[in-house]
Amino acid sequence: DEAAKELLLFVYRLMPTTHRYTPPLCLPMLDAAREYRLERLDPTPGDWTSSPLNDALRTRKSDGGPVIAHGAWLVQSGLPLPRMGSETVLIYRLLAR
């Protein structure tokens, strides 16, 4: 289904959290049999939410290719999220392959 090929994901943090590390965000709406290209679109400064995955999502992998994740992993384990302060948003784009 072409309509289900692209997903924009908005992650909001409205209040401070007591979590030292943000729990991964499971995405049960994805097709576990497909692969997804991940891209981070939000304008949050890179140094504010720095982590190896988020750095790769912003600048692509070291080999220049996009970050690809299997749908089953995103459904079960979830998308690892960086630390977020209160009143912040993360925007991700997922494209099914």
Protein backbone atom coordinates (compact mmCIF):
# COMPACT_ATOMS: atom_id res chain seq x y z
CA ASP A 1 0.00 0.00 0.00
CA GLU A 2 1.62 3.23 -1.17
CA ALA A 3 -0.30 5.29 1.40
CA ALA A 4 1.44 3.39 4.21
CA LYS A 5 4.92 3.83 2.76
CA GLU A 6 5.87 7.02 4.62
CA LEU A 7 5.40 7.91 8.29
CA LEU A 8 6.10 11.18 10.09
CA LEU A 9 6.57 10.60 13.79
CA PHE A 10 6.36 13.43 16.35
CA VAL A 11 7.65 12.71 19.86
CA TYR A 12 6.74 15.36 22.45
CA ARG A 13 8.02 15.75 26.00
CA LEU A 14 5.83 18.22 27.85
CA MET A 15 7.12 17.83 31.41
CA PRO A 16 10.46 16.82 32.96
CA THR A 17 11.01 13.09 33.43
CA THR A 18 12.56 11.05 36.20
CA HIS A 19 14.08 8.61 33.65
CA ARG A 20 17.84 8.76 33.42
CA TYR A 21 17.57 7.37 29.89
CA THR A 22 14.53 7.78 27.70
CA PRO A 23 12.86 4.39 27.07
CA PRO A 24 12.73 3.25 23.42
CA LEU A 25 9.52 4.02 21.54
CA CYS A 26 7.86 0.85 20.19
CA LEU A 27 6.12 1.37 16.85
CA PRO A 28 3.44 -1.37 16.60
CA MET A 29 1.82 0.34 13.60
CA LEU A 30 4.75 -0.60 11.33
CA ASP A 31 4.90 -3.66 9.09
CA ALA A 32 7.30 -6.09 10.80
CA ALA A 33 8.23 -7.65 7.45
CA ARG A 34 9.51 -4.42 5.86
CA GLU A 35 12.68 -2.38 6.28
CA TYR A 36 12.51 1.33 7.06
CA ARG A 37 14.84 4.19 6.23
CA LEU A 38 15.09 6.49 9.25
CA GLU A 39 15.74 10.22 9.14
CA ARG A 40 15.53 12.86 11.85
CA LEU A 41 13.97 16.15 10.74
CA ASP A 42 13.55 18.33 13.83
CA PRO A 43 15.55 21.54 14.25
CA THR A 44 16.82 20.71 17.76
CA PRO A 45 20.56 21.45 17.93
CA GLY A 46 22.64 18.30 17.49
CA ASP A 47 24.74 18.76 20.60
CA TRP A 48 21.61 19.00 22.76
CA THR A 49 20.37 15.49 21.93
CA SER A 50 23.62 13.83 20.95
CA SER A 51 23.91 10.06 20.77
CA PRO A 52 25.50 7.78 18.16
CA LEU A 53 22.14 6.87 16.60
CA ASN A 54 20.89 10.44 16.51
CA ASP A 55 24.16 11.69 15.07
CA ALA A 56 23.83 9.07 12.32
CA LEU A 57 20.21 10.03 11.67
CA ARG A 58 21.23 13.66 11.24
CA THR A 59 24.36 13.18 9.12
CA ARG A 60 23.79 9.69 7.66
CA LYS A 61 26.06 6.77 8.37
CA SER A 62 29.81 7.10 7.91
CA ASP A 63 29.56 5.33 4.55
CA GLY A 64 27.13 8.01 3.33
CA GLY A 65 24.09 5.74 3.16
CA PRO A 66 20.83 6.15 5.03
CA VAL A 67 20.13 4.49 8.39
CA ILE A 68 18.03 1.37 7.77
CA ALA A 69 16.15 -0.55 10.47
CA HIS A 70 14.05 -3.69 10.17
CA GLY A 71 10.36 -3.26 10.96
CA ALA A 72 10.35 -6.21 13.39
CA TRP A 73 13.05 -4.50 15.46
CA LEU A 74 11.15 -1.20 15.52
CA VAL A 75 7.91 -2.99 16.49
CA GLN A 76 9.46 -5.15 19.26
CA SER A 77 12.47 -3.25 20.61
CA GLY A 78 11.51 0.24 19.55
CA LEU A 79 13.27 3.33 18.31
CA PRO A 80 15.95 4.46 20.79
CA LEU A 81 15.28 8.06 21.74
CA PRO A 82 17.81 10.62 22.98
CA ARG A 83 17.45 12.43 26.26
CA MET A 84 14.83 15.12 25.99
CA GLY A 85 14.21 18.17 28.12
CA SER A 86 10.73 19.39 28.90
CA GLU A 87 8.82 21.16 26.15
CA THR A 88 10.84 19.62 23.33
CA VAL A 89 9.90 17.69 20.20
CA LEU A 90 11.65 15.16 17.99
CA ILE A 91 10.49 14.62 14.41
CA TYR A 92 11.36 11.43 12.54
CA ARG A 93 10.59 10.36 8.98
CA LEU A 94 10.33 6.64 8.24
CA LEU A 95 10.17 5.39 4.66
CA ALA A 96 9.23 1.78 3.97
CA ARG A 97 11.45 -0.04 1.47
